[in-house]
Amino acid sequence: MGEIMDKVKIAVVGIGGISQIVRIPTLKKMENVDLVAICDIDEAKCSVIADKFNIPKVYYDIQNLLKREELDGIFICTPNNFHYPMALATLDRGIPTLVEKPLALSLDQVNRINQKVQEKNTLLVVGMNYRFRDDAIVLKKFLEKNEIGEPYYIKSGWLRHWSRPEMQTWITDSKISGGGVVMDMGIQLLDLSLWILNRPKIQHVHAYTYNLFMQGDVEDSALVVIQTTSGAVVTIEVSWRMHLEKDVNYTHVFGKEGGAFLNPLRMYKEMHGKLVNVTPVDFEPHTDIFKRSFINEIKNFINCIKGEEEPVTPVGDAVYIMKIIDAIYKSASQGKQIDFEE
């Protein structure tokens, strides 16, 4: 029998909603993981979460955590403005790191993190959980088999309904968030769409942003049009608040021989002059596909630390996405199409 590997020692920095709902409970359930510490500036919250999940150590400052613990991996789940300095700190110590999206506030910061990753030869992945959705994985494999022919148009949207209360948190402050709904929701759809298309080369980016209903200095709605060098077009529409009776979240991929769609998963193919439903009959999505995507993401990160898998969301992809985000904001501010340079 092979030698049993020791448990992977993990810490979580930032214990907000996602950490409490998914990350910490999932890590505690994994037999090959030892969640040794949590870290957050909120001392009262740390005490409650540590007691609830039986976590042995609590820190209120990441520097103390890094000095005192021998970690195999770390999750950075803080507000966006902390991602950059914390990622540099963990990489300097050679600690494999998962950083929630967005990786940093700007393209310059993302490039510096990427340089540090190469310099230290250390694992860093970005929390793009949409890539880990069961339905998205099936759809991507469907396209890779050329089932719908060459994709020529992919459109995605995530629109929140009007009755949601106005958000008054750090996310509407550009100094903390780095941007508005594009950095919050748009980045997920952008990453998903371009991942499905296998990271195509981009030719032009044209974007429109609006701040109509929210307090803060960031956009609450955006429309993005991206043209690839192959001629395929990608559109993204996102909003924190629109005059809708319910939330809308969709991704539609159109190929020359069929179409594939998410929410729910549906696949259609042209056969003998007719459009035929070829959605896998045995596909049963998890009851909570959103929560399940985070669980899959966590498992991939842990297995990457152990050397058993390759990262699904490598830092190089984050650089590519952030270059497009940068072009989106330039296009919106300048009111014109931006020629994209990789």
C-alpha atoms as a PDB file:
ATOM      1  CA  MET A   1       0.000   0.000   0.000  1.00  0.00           C
ATOM      2  CA  GLY A   2       1.140   3.556  -0.741  1.00  0.00           C
ATOM      3  CA  GLU A   3       1.981   5.960   2.039  1.00  0.00           C
ATOM      4  CA  ILE A   4      -0.995   7.873   3.361  1.00  0.00           C
ATOM      5  CA  MET A   5      -0.552  11.579   2.708  1.00  0.00           C
ATOM      6  CA  ASP A   6      -0.759  13.972   5.657  1.00  0.00           C
ATOM      7  CA  LYS A   7      -3.704  16.323   5.822  1.00  0.00           C
ATOM      8  CA  VAL A   8      -3.410  19.601   3.931  1.00  0.00           C
ATOM      9  CA  LYS A   9      -3.183  22.469   6.422  1.00  0.00           C
ATOM     10  CA  ILE A  10      -5.425  25.348   5.331  1.00  0.00           C
ATOM     11  CA  ALA A  11      -6.356  28.816   6.589  1.00  0.00           C
ATOM     12  CA  VAL A  12      -9.208  31.056   5.429  1.00  0.00           C
ATOM     13  CA  VAL A  13      -8.734  34.833   5.435  1.00  0.00           C
ATOM     14  CA  GLY A  14     -12.017  36.752   5.312  1.00  0.00           C
ATOM     15  CA  ILE A  15     -15.066  35.025   6.790  1.00  0.00           C
ATOM     16  CA  GLY A  16     -17.955  36.745   5.040  1.00  0.00           C
ATOM     17  CA  GLY A  17     -21.018  35.100   3.541  1.00  0.00           C
ATOM     18  CA  ILE A  18     -19.425  32.711   1.042  1.00  0.00           C
ATOM     19  CA  SER A  19     -16.794  31.581   3.553  1.00  0.00           C
ATOM     20  CA  GLN A  20     -19.481  30.819   6.134  1.00  0.00           C
ATOM     21  CA  ILE A  21     -21.981  29.231   3.742  1.00  0.00           C
ATOM     22  CA  VAL A  22     -19.664  27.147   1.562  1.00  0.00           C
ATOM     23  CA  ARG A  23     -15.913  27.402   2.038  1.00  0.00           C
ATOM     24  CA  ILE A  24     -15.537  26.675   5.756  1.00  0.00           C
ATOM     25  CA  PRO A  25     -18.228  23.937   5.916  1.00  0.00           C
ATOM     26  CA  THR A  26     -16.765  22.230   2.831  1.00  0.00           C
ATOM     27  CA  LEU A  27     -13.203  22.331   4.142  1.00  0.00           C
ATOM     28  CA  LYS A  28     -14.321  20.945   7.511  1.00  0.00           C
ATOM     29  CA  LYS A  29     -15.980  17.991   5.779  1.00  0.00           C
ATOM     30  CA  MET A  30     -12.934  17.059   3.690  1.00  0.00           C
ATOM     31  CA  GLU A  31     -11.006  14.162   5.247  1.00  0.00           C
ATOM     32  CA  ASN A  32      -7.718  15.244   3.650  1.00  0.00           C
ATOM     33  CA  VAL A  33      -7.915  18.836   4.967  1.00  0.00           C
ATOM     34  CA  ASP A  34      -7.084  20.318   8.346  1.00  0.00           C
ATOM     35  CA  LEU A  35      -8.612  23.801   8.667  1.00  0.00           C
ATOM     36  CA  VAL A  36      -6.157  25.123  11.228  1.00  0.00           C
ATOM     37  CA  ALA A  37      -7.102  28.814  11.366  1.00  0.00           C
ATOM     38  CA  ILE A  38      -9.373  31.624  10.246  1.00  0.00           C
ATOM     39  CA  CYS A  39      -8.465  35.300   9.984  1.00  0.00           C
ATOM     40  CA  ASP A  40     -10.696  38.377   9.955  1.00  0.00           C
ATOM     41  CA  ILE A  41     -10.647  41.874  11.430  1.00  0.00           C
ATOM     42  CA  ASP A  42     -14.055  41.249  13.034  1.00  0.00           C
ATOM     43  CA  GLU A  43     -13.079  39.669  16.362  1.00  0.00           C
ATOM     44  CA  ALA A  44     -16.637  38.900  17.458  1.00  0.00           C
ATOM     45  CA  LYS A  45     -17.444  37.149  14.180  1.00  0.00           C
ATOM     46  CA  CYS A  46     -14.209  35.161  14.363  1.00  0.00           C
ATOM     47  CA  SER A  47     -15.126  33.920  17.821  1.00  0.00           C
ATOM     48  CA  VAL A  48     -18.594  32.803  16.712  1.00  0.00           C
ATOM     49  CA  ILE A  49     -17.362  31.038  13.565  1.00  0.00           C
ATOM     50  CA  ALA A  50     -14.430  29.369  15.341  1.00  0.00           C
ATOM     51  CA  ASP A  51     -16.781  27.967  17.985  1.00  0.00           C
ATOM     52  CA  LYS A  52     -19.408  26.897  15.451  1.00  0.00           C
ATOM     53  CA  PHE A  53     -16.960  24.982  13.240  1.00  0.00           C
ATOM     54  CA  ASN A  54     -14.448  23.948  15.897  1.00  0.00           C
ATOM     55  CA  ILE A  55     -11.532  25.827  14.340  1.00  0.00           C
ATOM     56  CA  PRO A  56      -8.548  25.807  16.712  1.00  0.00           C
ATOM     57  CA  LYS A  57      -6.919  29.165  15.968  1.00  0.00           C
ATOM     58  CA  VAL A  58      -8.125  32.684  15.218  1.00  0.00           C
ATOM     59  CA  TYR A  59      -6.139  35.628  13.871  1.00  0.00           C
ATOM     60  CA  TYR A  60      -7.089  39.236  13.236  1.00  0.00           C
ATOM     61  CA  ASP A  61      -4.101  40.108  11.058  1.00  0.00           C
ATOM     62  CA  ILE A  62      -2.750  38.081   8.127  1.00  0.00           C
ATOM     63  CA  GLN A  63       0.875  38.879   8.976  1.00  0.00           C
ATOM     64  CA  ASN A  64       0.517  37.218  12.389  1.00  0.00           C
ATOM     65  CA  LEU A  65      -1.157  34.247  10.729  1.00  0.00           C
ATOM     66  CA  LEU A  66       1.661  33.828   8.224  1.00  0.00           C
ATOM     67  CA  LYS A  67       4.366  34.189  10.884  1.00  0.00           C
ATOM     68  CA  ARG A  68       2.911  31.627  13.271  1.00  0.00           C
ATOM     69  CA  GLU A  69       1.385  28.943  11.038  1.00  0.00           C
ATOM     70  CA  GLU A  70       2.985  26.441   8.672  1.00  0.00           C
ATOM     71  CA  LEU A  71       0.369  26.353   5.927  1.00  0.00           C
ATOM     72  CA  ASP A  72      -0.025  24.168   2.848  1.00  0.00           C
ATOM     73  CA  GLY A  73      -2.617  26.506   1.349  1.00  0.00           C
ATOM     74  CA  ILE A  74      -4.667  29.608   2.011  1.00  0.00           C
ATOM     75  CA  PHE A  75      -7.963  31.136   0.866  1.00  0.00           C
ATOM     76  CA  ILE A  76      -8.165  34.933   0.465  1.00  0.00           C
ATOM     77  CA  CYS A  77     -11.859  35.863   0.625  1.00  0.00           C
ATOM     78  CA  THR A  78     -11.663  39.508   1.677  1.00  0.00           C
ATOM     79  CA  PRO A  79     -12.940  42.712   0.055  1.00  0.00           C
ATOM     80  CA  ASN A  80     -11.209  43.271  -3.279  1.00  0.00           C
ATOM     81  CA  ASN A  81      -8.663  45.890  -2.206  1.00  0.00           C
ATOM     82  CA  PHE A  82      -6.946  43.397   0.108  1.00  0.00           C
ATOM     83  CA  HIS A  83      -6.445  40.742  -2.593  1.00  0.00           C
ATOM     84  CA  TYR A  84      -3.291  42.273  -4.047  1.00  0.00           C
ATOM     85  CA  PRO A  85      -1.217  42.855  -0.887  1.00  0.00           C
ATOM     86  CA  MET A  86      -2.338  39.607   0.698  1.00  0.00           C
ATOM     87  CA  ALA A  87      -1.580  37.555  -2.427  1.00  0.00           C
ATOM     88  CA  LEU A  88       1.922  39.031  -2.595  1.00  0.00           C
ATOM     89  CA  ALA A  89       2.437  38.210   1.085  1.00  0.00           C
ATOM     90  CA  THR A  90       1.383  34.571   0.716  1.00  0.00           C
ATOM     91  CA  LEU A  91       3.353  34.093  -2.513  1.00  0.00           C
ATOM     92  CA  ASP A  92       6.473  35.536  -0.865  1.00  0.00           C
ATOM     93  CA  ARG A  93       6.218  32.663   1.601  1.00  0.00           C
ATOM     94  CA  GLY A  94       5.603  30.090  -1.124  1.00  0.00           C
ATOM     95  CA  ILE A  95       2.084  29.269   0.066  1.00  0.00           C
ATOM     96  CA  PRO A  96      -0.376  27.971  -2.556  1.00  0.00           C
ATOM     97  CA  THR A  97      -3.174  30.523  -2.686  1.00  0.00           C
ATOM     98  CA  LEU A  98      -6.776  30.775  -3.855  1.00  0.00           C
ATOM     99  CA  VAL A  99      -7.899  34.387  -4.288  1.00  0.00           C
ATOM    100  CA  GLU A 100     -11.554  35.265  -4.729  1.00  0.00           C
ATOM    101  CA  LYS A 101     -12.423  37.134  -7.912  1.00  0.00           C
ATOM    102  CA  PRO A 102     -11.350  39.641  -8.988  1.00  0.00           C
ATOM    103  CA  LEU A 103      -7.686  38.809  -8.473  1.00  0.00           C
ATOM    104  CA  ALA A 104      -6.876  42.504  -7.914  1.00  0.00           C
ATOM    105  CA  LEU A 105      -8.166  46.014  -8.547  1.00  0.00           C
ATOM    106  CA  SER A 106      -6.236  46.748 -11.750  1.00  0.00           C
ATOM    107  CA  LEU A 107      -4.364  45.194 -14.642  1.00  0.00           C
ATOM    108  CA  ASP A 108      -1.092  46.499 -13.236  1.00  0.00           C
ATOM    109  CA  GLN A 109      -1.705  44.708  -9.922  1.00  0.00           C
ATOM    110  CA  VAL A 110      -2.712  41.484 -11.673  1.00  0.00           C
ATOM    111  CA  ASN A 111       0.464  41.595 -13.785  1.00  0.00           C
ATOM    112  CA  ARG A 112       2.572  42.048 -10.649  1.00  0.00           C
ATOM    113  CA  ILE A 113       0.899  39.082  -8.974  1.00  0.00           C
ATOM    114  CA  ASN A 114       1.544  36.994 -12.082  1.00  0.00           C
ATOM    115  CA  GLN A 115       5.210  38.011 -12.025  1.00  0.00           C
ATOM    116  CA  LYS A 116       5.436  36.956  -8.382  1.00  0.00           C
ATOM    117  CA  VAL A 117       3.834  33.590  -9.194  1.00  0.00           C
ATOM    118  CA  GLN A 118       6.485  32.961 -11.856  1.00  0.00           C
ATOM    119  CA  GLU A 119       9.285  34.238  -9.623  1.00  0.00           C
ATOM    120  CA  LYS A 120       8.318  32.037  -6.661  1.00  0.00           C
ATOM    121  CA  ASN A 121       7.042  29.115  -8.775  1.00  0.00           C
ATOM    122  CA  THR A 122       4.033  28.908  -6.467  1.00  0.00           C
ATOM    123  CA  LEU A 123       0.443  27.881  -7.175  1.00  0.00           C
ATOM    124  CA  LEU A 124      -2.163  30.638  -7.351  1.00  0.00           C
ATOM    125  CA  VAL A 125      -5.705  30.174  -8.598  1.00  0.00           C
ATOM    126  CA  VAL A 126      -8.626  32.583  -8.865  1.00  0.00           C
ATOM    127  CA  GLY A 127     -12.116  31.929  -7.517  1.00  0.00           C
ATOM    128  CA  MET A 128     -14.076  31.744 -10.757  1.00  0.00           C
ATOM    129  CA  ASN A 129     -16.690  29.272  -9.576  1.00  0.00           C
ATOM    130  CA  TYR A 130     -18.808  29.379 -12.761  1.00  0.00           C
ATOM    131  CA  ARG A 131     -16.214  27.192 -14.473  1.00  0.00           C
ATOM    132  CA  PHE A 132     -17.043  24.506 -11.913  1.00  0.00           C
ATOM    133  CA  ARG A 133     -20.780  24.418 -12.549  1.00  0.00           C
ATOM    134  CA  ASP A 134     -21.874  20.940 -13.616  1.00  0.00           C
ATOM    135  CA  ASP A 135     -23.983  22.288 -16.467  1.00  0.00           C
ATOM    136  CA  ALA A 136     -21.212  24.591 -17.734  1.00  0.00           C
ATOM    137  CA  ILE A 137     -18.766  21.675 -17.815  1.00  0.00           C
ATOM    138  CA  VAL A 138     -21.214  19.581 -19.857  1.00  0.00           C
ATOM    139  CA  LEU A 139     -21.857  22.490 -22.241  1.00  0.00           C
ATOM    140  CA  LYS A 140     -18.143  23.098 -22.783  1.00  0.00           C
ATOM    141  CA  LYS A 141     -17.509  19.425 -23.561  1.00  0.00           C
ATOM    142  CA  PHE A 142     -20.438  19.524 -26.002  1.00  0.00           C
ATOM    143  CA  LEU A 143     -18.802  22.405 -27.864  1.00  0.00           C
ATOM    144  CA  GLU A 144     -15.364  20.784 -27.800  1.00  0.00           C
ATOM    145  CA  LYS A 145     -16.848  17.827 -29.679  1.00  0.00           C
ATOM    146  CA  ASN A 146     -18.012  20.319 -32.344  1.00  0.00           C
ATOM    147  CA  GLU A 147     -21.631  19.293 -31.814  1.00  0.00           C
ATOM    148  CA  ILE A 148     -23.028  22.703 -32.815  1.00  0.00           C
ATOM    149  CA  GLY A 149     -20.376  23.650 -35.356  1.00  0.00           C
ATOM    150  CA  GLU A 150     -18.280  26.782 -35.098  1.00  0.00           C
ATOM    151  CA  PRO A 151     -19.706  29.192 -32.489  1.00  0.00           C
ATOM    152  CA  TYR A 152     -20.433  32.618 -33.955  1.00  0.00           C
ATOM    153  CA  TYR A 153     -22.417  34.295 -31.183  1.00  0.00           C
ATOM    154  CA  ILE A 154     -22.472  33.874 -27.429  1.00  0.00           C
ATOM    155  CA  LYS A 155     -24.561  36.090 -25.196  1.00  0.00           C
ATOM    156  CA  SER A 156     -24.715  36.092 -21.414  1.00  0.00           C
ATOM    157  CA  GLY A 157     -26.697  38.117 -18.935  1.00  0.00           C
ATOM    158  CA  TRP A 158     -27.136  38.486 -15.203  1.00  0.00           C
ATOM    159  CA  LEU A 159     -29.819  41.005 -14.259  1.00  0.00           C
ATOM    160  CA  ARG A 160     -31.125  41.450 -10.738  1.00  0.00           C
ATOM    161  CA  HIS A 161     -34.736  42.455 -10.196  1.00  0.00           C
ATOM    162  CA  TRP A 162     -36.035  45.794  -9.026  1.00  0.00           C
ATOM    163  CA  SER A 163     -37.319  44.779  -5.597  1.00  0.00           C
ATOM    164  CA  ARG A 164     -33.824  44.019  -4.325  1.00  0.00           C
ATOM    165  CA  PRO A 165     -32.761  46.629  -1.765  1.00  0.00           C
ATOM    166  CA  GLU A 166     -30.158  49.168  -2.799  1.00  0.00           C
ATOM    167  CA  MET A 167     -26.667  48.011  -1.891  1.00  0.00           C
ATOM    168  CA  GLN A 168     -24.704  50.309   0.386  1.00  0.00           C
ATOM    169  CA  THR A 169     -21.550  48.332   1.069  1.00  0.00           C
ATOM    170  CA  TRP A 170     -17.876  48.466   0.139  1.00  0.00           C
ATOM    171  CA  ILE A 171     -18.735  47.033  -3.271  1.00  0.00           C
ATOM    172  CA  THR A 172     -20.052  50.429  -4.443  1.00  0.00           C
ATOM    173  CA  ASP A 173     -16.804  52.189  -3.480  1.00  0.00           C
ATOM    174  CA  SER A 174     -14.306  51.993  -6.358  1.00  0.00           C
ATOM    175  CA  LYS A 175     -11.310  52.407  -4.038  1.00  0.00           C
ATOM    176  CA  ILE A 176     -12.258  49.121  -2.368  1.00  0.00           C
ATOM    177  CA  SER A 177     -13.994  47.197  -5.158  1.00  0.00           C
ATOM    178  CA  GLY A 178     -12.058  48.383  -8.220  1.00  0.00           C
ATOM    179  CA  GLY A 179     -15.298  48.757 -10.163  1.00  0.00           C
ATOM    180  CA  GLY A 180     -19.017  48.109 -10.060  1.00  0.00           C
ATOM    181  CA  VAL A 181     -21.213  45.408 -11.508  1.00  0.00           C
ATOM    182  CA  VAL A 182     -18.633  44.594 -14.205  1.00  0.00           C
ATOM    183  CA  MET A 183     -16.097  43.605 -11.523  1.00  0.00           C
ATOM    184  CA  ASP A 184     -18.755  41.910  -9.396  1.00  0.00           C
ATOM    185  CA  MET A 185     -20.980  39.941 -11.786  1.00  0.00           C
ATOM    186  CA  GLY A 186     -19.756  40.755 -15.275  1.00  0.00           C
ATOM    187  CA  ILE A 187     -16.339  39.232 -14.650  1.00  0.00           C
ATOM    188  CA  GLN A 188     -17.951  35.854 -13.946  1.00  0.00           C
ATOM    189  CA  LEU A 189     -19.961  35.847 -17.178  1.00  0.00           C
ATOM    190  CA  LEU A 190     -17.009  37.162 -19.156  1.00  0.00           C
ATOM    191  CA  ASP A 191     -14.763  34.433 -17.803  1.00  0.00           C
ATOM    192  CA  LEU A 192     -17.387  31.736 -18.395  1.00  0.00           C
ATOM    193  CA  SER A 193     -18.113  32.832 -21.975  1.00  0.00           C
ATOM    194  CA  LEU A 194     -14.481  33.074 -23.021  1.00  0.00           C
ATOM    195  CA  TRP A 195     -13.574  29.843 -21.206  1.00  0.00           C
ATOM    196  CA  ILE A 196     -16.319  28.068 -23.157  1.00  0.00           C
ATOM    197  CA  LEU A 197     -14.760  29.451 -26.354  1.00  0.00           C
ATOM    198  CA  ASN A 198     -11.263  28.309 -25.259  1.00  0.00           C
ATOM    199  CA  ARG A 199      -9.869  31.798 -24.638  1.00  0.00           C
ATOM    200  CA  PRO A 200     -10.221  33.266 -28.149  1.00  0.00           C
ATOM    201  CA  LYS A 201      -8.110  36.134 -29.447  1.00  0.00           C
ATOM    202  CA  ILE A 202      -9.940  39.443 -29.048  1.00  0.00           C
ATOM    203  CA  GLN A 203     -10.053  42.113 -31.741  1.00  0.00           C
ATOM    204  CA  HIS A 204     -12.378  44.839 -30.429  1.00  0.00           C
ATOM    205  CA  VAL A 205     -14.167  45.747 -27.189  1.00  0.00           C
ATOM    206  CA  HIS A 206     -17.086  48.184 -27.001  1.00  0.00           C
ATOM    207  CA  ALA A 207     -18.808  48.840 -23.681  1.00  0.00           C
ATOM    208  CA  TYR A 208     -21.474  51.007 -22.124  1.00  0.00           C
ATOM    209  CA  THR A 209     -21.823  51.537 -18.369  1.00  0.00           C
ATOM    210  CA  TYR A 210     -24.467  53.323 -16.315  1.00  0.00           C
ATOM    211  CA  ASN A 211     -24.990  54.497 -12.756  1.00  0.00           C
ATOM    212  CA  LEU A 212     -28.711  55.115 -12.577  1.00  0.00           C
ATOM    213  CA  PHE A 213     -30.076  53.640  -9.369  1.00  0.00           C
ATOM    214  CA  MET A 214     -27.254  53.074  -6.884  1.00  0.00           C
ATOM    215  CA  GLN A 215     -25.288  55.291  -4.527  1.00  0.00           C
ATOM    216  CA  GLY A 216     -21.543  55.161  -5.083  1.00  0.00           C
ATOM    217  CA  ASP A 217     -18.974  55.969  -7.763  1.00  0.00           C
ATOM    218  CA  VAL A 218     -19.244  52.727  -9.729  1.00  0.00           C
ATOM    219  CA  GLU A 219     -21.503  51.433 -12.503  1.00  0.00           C
ATOM    220  CA  ASP A 220     -24.707  49.578 -11.603  1.00  0.00           C
ATOM    221  CA  SER A 221     -25.400  48.341 -15.144  1.00  0.00           C
ATOM    222  CA  ALA A 222     -23.300  47.540 -18.195  1.00  0.00           C
ATOM    223  CA  LEU A 223     -23.477  46.226 -21.736  1.00  0.00           C
ATOM    224  CA  VAL A 224     -20.334  44.803 -23.338  1.00  0.00           C
ATOM    225  CA  VAL A 225     -19.754  43.743 -26.961  1.00  0.00           C
ATOM    226  CA  ILE A 226     -16.586  41.798 -27.777  1.00  0.00           C
ATOM    227  CA  GLN A 227     -15.489  40.786 -31.271  1.00  0.00           C
ATOM    228  CA  THR A 228     -12.950  37.995 -31.639  1.00  0.00           C
ATOM    229  CA  THR A 229     -10.427  37.709 -34.466  1.00  0.00           C
ATOM    230  CA  SER A 230     -12.402  34.744 -35.831  1.00  0.00           C
ATOM    231  CA  GLY A 231     -15.465  36.955 -36.236  1.00  0.00           C
ATOM    232  CA  ALA A 232     -17.407  35.480 -33.303  1.00  0.00           C
ATOM    233  CA  VAL A 233     -19.185  38.021 -31.097  1.00  0.00           C
ATOM    234  CA  VAL A 234     -19.644  37.871 -27.330  1.00  0.00           C
ATOM    235  CA  THR A 235     -22.126  40.102 -25.508  1.00  0.00           C
ATOM    236  CA  ILE A 236     -22.477  40.539 -21.759  1.00  0.00           C
ATOM    237  CA  GLU A 237     -25.289  42.438 -19.999  1.00  0.00           C
ATOM    238  CA  VAL A 238     -25.247  42.865 -16.236  1.00  0.00           C
ATOM    239  CA  SER A 239     -27.124  44.947 -13.693  1.00  0.00           C
ATOM    240  CA  TRP A 240     -27.486  45.114  -9.946  1.00  0.00           C
ATOM    241  CA  ARG A 241     -30.982  46.541 -10.299  1.00  0.00           C
ATOM    242  CA  MET A 242     -33.395  46.634 -13.232  1.00  0.00           C
ATOM    243  CA  HIS A 243     -37.145  46.906 -13.698  1.00  0.00           C
ATOM    244  CA  LEU A 244     -37.679  43.150 -13.747  1.00  0.00           C
ATOM    245  CA  GLU A 245     -40.017  41.030 -11.644  1.00  0.00           C
ATOM    246  CA  LYS A 246     -37.327  38.392 -11.024  1.00  0.00           C
ATOM    247  CA  ASP A 247     -33.621  37.771 -11.507  1.00  0.00           C
ATOM    248  CA  VAL A 248     -32.375  36.730 -14.947  1.00  0.00           C
ATOM    249  CA  ASN A 249     -29.217  34.687 -15.505  1.00  0.00           C
ATOM    250  CA  TYR A 250     -28.462  33.106 -18.861  1.00  0.00           C
ATOM    251  CA  THR A 251     -25.753  32.026 -21.274  1.00  0.00           C
ATOM    252  CA  HIS A 252     -26.660  31.218 -24.898  1.00  0.00           C
ATOM    253  CA  VAL A 253     -24.152  29.832 -27.395  1.00  0.00           C
ATOM    254  CA  PHE A 254     -25.068  29.755 -31.087  1.00  0.00           C
ATOM    255  CA  GLY A 255     -23.089  27.699 -33.582  1.00  0.00           C
ATOM    256  CA  LYS A 256     -23.484  27.173 -37.279  1.00  0.00           C
ATOM    257  CA  GLU A 257     -25.130  23.789 -36.673  1.00  0.00           C
ATOM    258  CA  GLY A 258     -26.966  24.238 -33.373  1.00  0.00           C
ATOM    259  CA  GLY A 259     -27.194  25.964 -29.999  1.00  0.00           C
ATOM    260  CA  ALA A 260     -26.398  25.325 -26.345  1.00  0.00           C
ATOM    261  CA  PHE A 261     -27.898  27.113 -23.344  1.00  0.00           C
ATOM    262  CA  LEU A 262     -27.548  27.380 -19.563  1.00  0.00           C
ATOM    263  CA  ASN A 263     -30.207  27.954 -16.884  1.00  0.00           C
ATOM    264  CA  PRO A 264     -31.487  25.395 -17.611  1.00  0.00           C
ATOM    265  CA  LEU A 265     -29.063  23.282 -19.647  1.00  0.00           C
ATOM    266  CA  ARG A 266     -30.461  22.708 -23.140  1.00  0.00           C
ATOM    267  CA  MET A 267     -28.759  21.623 -26.340  1.00  0.00           C
ATOM    268  CA  TYR A 268     -30.127  21.650 -29.874  1.00  0.00           C
ATOM    269  CA  LYS A 269     -28.553  20.390 -33.076  1.00  0.00           C
ATOM    270  CA  GLU A 270     -29.581  20.649 -36.692  1.00  0.00           C
ATOM    271  CA  MET A 271     -30.151  17.130 -38.034  1.00  0.00           C
ATOM    272  CA  HIS A 272     -31.688  16.264 -41.400  1.00  0.00           C
ATOM    273  CA  GLY A 273     -33.041  19.774 -41.764  1.00  0.00           C
ATOM    274  CA  LYS A 274     -34.687  19.806 -38.326  1.00  0.00           C
ATOM    275  CA  LEU A 275     -33.667  21.204 -34.944  1.00  0.00           C
ATOM    276  CA  VAL A 276     -33.376  18.278 -32.525  1.00  0.00           C
ATOM    277  CA  ASN A 277     -33.141  18.428 -28.742  1.00  0.00           C
ATOM    278  CA  VAL A 278     -29.927  16.586 -27.846  1.00  0.00           C
ATOM    279  CA  THR A 279     -29.749  17.567 -24.171  1.00  0.00           C
ATOM    280  CA  PRO A 280     -28.318  14.583 -22.253  1.00  0.00           C
ATOM    281  CA  VAL A 281     -31.257  12.731 -20.724  1.00  0.00           C
ATOM    282  CA  ASP A 282     -29.106  11.418 -17.880  1.00  0.00           C
ATOM    283  CA  PHE A 283     -27.904  14.862 -16.797  1.00  0.00           C
ATOM    284  CA  GLU A 284     -29.325  15.763 -13.420  1.00  0.00           C
ATOM    285  CA  PRO A 285     -27.920  19.034 -12.093  1.00  0.00           C
ATOM    286  CA  HIS A 286     -27.183  19.300  -8.409  1.00  0.00           C
ATOM    287  CA  THR A 287     -30.105  20.752  -6.470  1.00  0.00           C
ATOM    288  CA  ASP A 288     -27.959  23.781  -5.640  1.00  0.00           C
ATOM    289  CA  ILE A 289     -25.750  24.243  -8.684  1.00  0.00           C
ATOM    290  CA  PHE A 290     -24.358  27.506  -7.294  1.00  0.00           C
ATOM    291  CA  LYS A 291     -23.196  25.975  -4.014  1.00  0.00           C
ATOM    292  CA  ARG A 292     -21.946  22.871  -5.783  1.00  0.00           C
ATOM    293  CA  SER A 293     -19.710  24.986  -8.035  1.00  0.00           C
ATOM    294  CA  PHE A 294     -17.869  26.347  -4.998  1.00  0.00           C
ATOM    295  CA  ILE A 295     -17.433  22.841  -3.595  1.00  0.00           C
ATOM    296  CA  ASN A 296     -15.937  21.662  -6.899  1.00  0.00           C
ATOM    297  CA  GLU A 297     -13.643  24.708  -6.931  1.00  0.00           C
ATOM    298  CA  ILE A 298     -12.387  24.003  -3.416  1.00  0.00           C
ATOM    299  CA  LYS A 299     -11.711  20.356  -4.233  1.00  0.00           C
ATOM    300  CA  ASN A 300      -9.720  21.324  -7.325  1.00  0.00           C
ATOM    301  CA  PHE A 301      -7.550  23.704  -5.296  1.00  0.00           C
ATOM    302  CA  ILE A 302      -6.840  21.091  -2.620  1.00  0.00           C
ATOM    303  CA  ASN A 303      -6.009  18.466  -5.246  1.00  0.00           C
ATOM    304  CA  CYS A 304      -3.709  20.954  -7.002  1.00  0.00           C
ATOM    305  CA  ILE A 305      -1.833  21.451  -3.720  1.00  0.00           C
ATOM    306  CA  LYS A 306      -1.432  17.672  -3.477  1.00  0.00           C
ATOM    307  CA  GLY A 307      -0.229  17.500  -7.084  1.00  0.00           C
ATOM    308  CA  GLU A 308      -3.167  15.368  -8.193  1.00  0.00           C
ATOM    309  CA  GLU A 309      -4.859  17.851 -10.564  1.00  0.00           C
ATOM    310  CA  GLU A 310      -4.096  20.852 -12.750  1.00  0.00           C
ATOM    311  CA  PRO A 311      -5.685  24.215 -11.863  1.00  0.00           C
ATOM    312  CA  VAL A 312      -8.927  24.962 -13.699  1.00  0.00           C
ATOM    313  CA  THR A 313      -8.565  28.711 -13.062  1.00  0.00           C
ATOM    314  CA  PRO A 314      -4.834  29.488 -13.455  1.00  0.00           C
ATOM    315  CA  VAL A 315      -3.370  32.949 -12.945  1.00  0.00           C
ATOM    316  CA  GLY A 316      -2.641  33.330 -16.664  1.00  0.00           C
ATOM    317  CA  ASP A 317      -6.365  33.290 -17.390  1.00  0.00           C
ATOM    318  CA  ALA A 318      -6.882  36.009 -14.786  1.00  0.00           C
ATOM    319  CA  VAL A 319      -4.385  38.214 -16.637  1.00  0.00           C
ATOM    320  CA  TYR A 320      -6.269  37.640 -19.902  1.00  0.00           C
ATOM    321  CA  ILE A 321      -9.634  38.501 -18.292  1.00  0.00           C
ATOM    322  CA  MET A 322      -8.277  41.574 -16.536  1.00  0.00           C
ATOM    323  CA  LYS A 323      -6.905  42.921 -19.824  1.00  0.00           C
ATOM    324  CA  ILE A 324     -10.435  42.710 -21.213  1.00  0.00           C
ATOM    325  CA  ILE A 325     -11.912  44.319 -18.079  1.00  0.00           C
ATOM    326  CA  ASP A 326      -9.401  47.152 -18.518  1.00  0.00           C
ATOM    327  CA  ALA A 327     -10.516  47.579 -22.142  1.00  0.00           C
ATOM    328  CA  ILE A 328     -14.181  47.564 -21.042  1.00  0.00           C
ATOM    329  CA  TYR A 329     -13.683  50.476 -18.679  1.00  0.00           C
ATOM    330  CA  LYS A 330     -11.577  52.374 -21.223  1.00  0.00           C
ATOM    331  CA  SER A 331     -14.259  51.932 -23.882  1.00  0.00           C
ATOM    332  CA  ALA A 332     -17.032  53.059 -21.529  1.00  0.00           C
ATOM    333  CA  SER A 333     -15.137  56.113 -20.299  1.00  0.00           C
ATOM    334  CA  GLN A 334     -13.984  57.178 -23.772  1.00  0.00           C
ATOM    335  CA  GLY A 335     -17.282  56.384 -25.485  1.00  0.00           C
ATOM    336  CA  LYS A 336     -15.707  54.417 -28.303  1.00  0.00           C
ATOM    337  CA  GLN A 337     -14.585  50.996 -29.460  1.00  0.00           C
ATOM    338  CA  ILE A 338     -11.185  49.866 -28.171  1.00  0.00           C
ATOM    339  CA  ASP A 339      -8.775  47.866 -30.308  1.00  0.00           C
ATOM    340  CA  PHE A 340      -7.568  45.029 -28.119  1.00  0.00           C
ATOM    341  CA  GLU A 341      -3.911  44.117 -27.748  1.00  0.00           C
ATOM    342  CA  GLU A 342      -2.903  40.984 -25.833  1.00  0.00           C
END
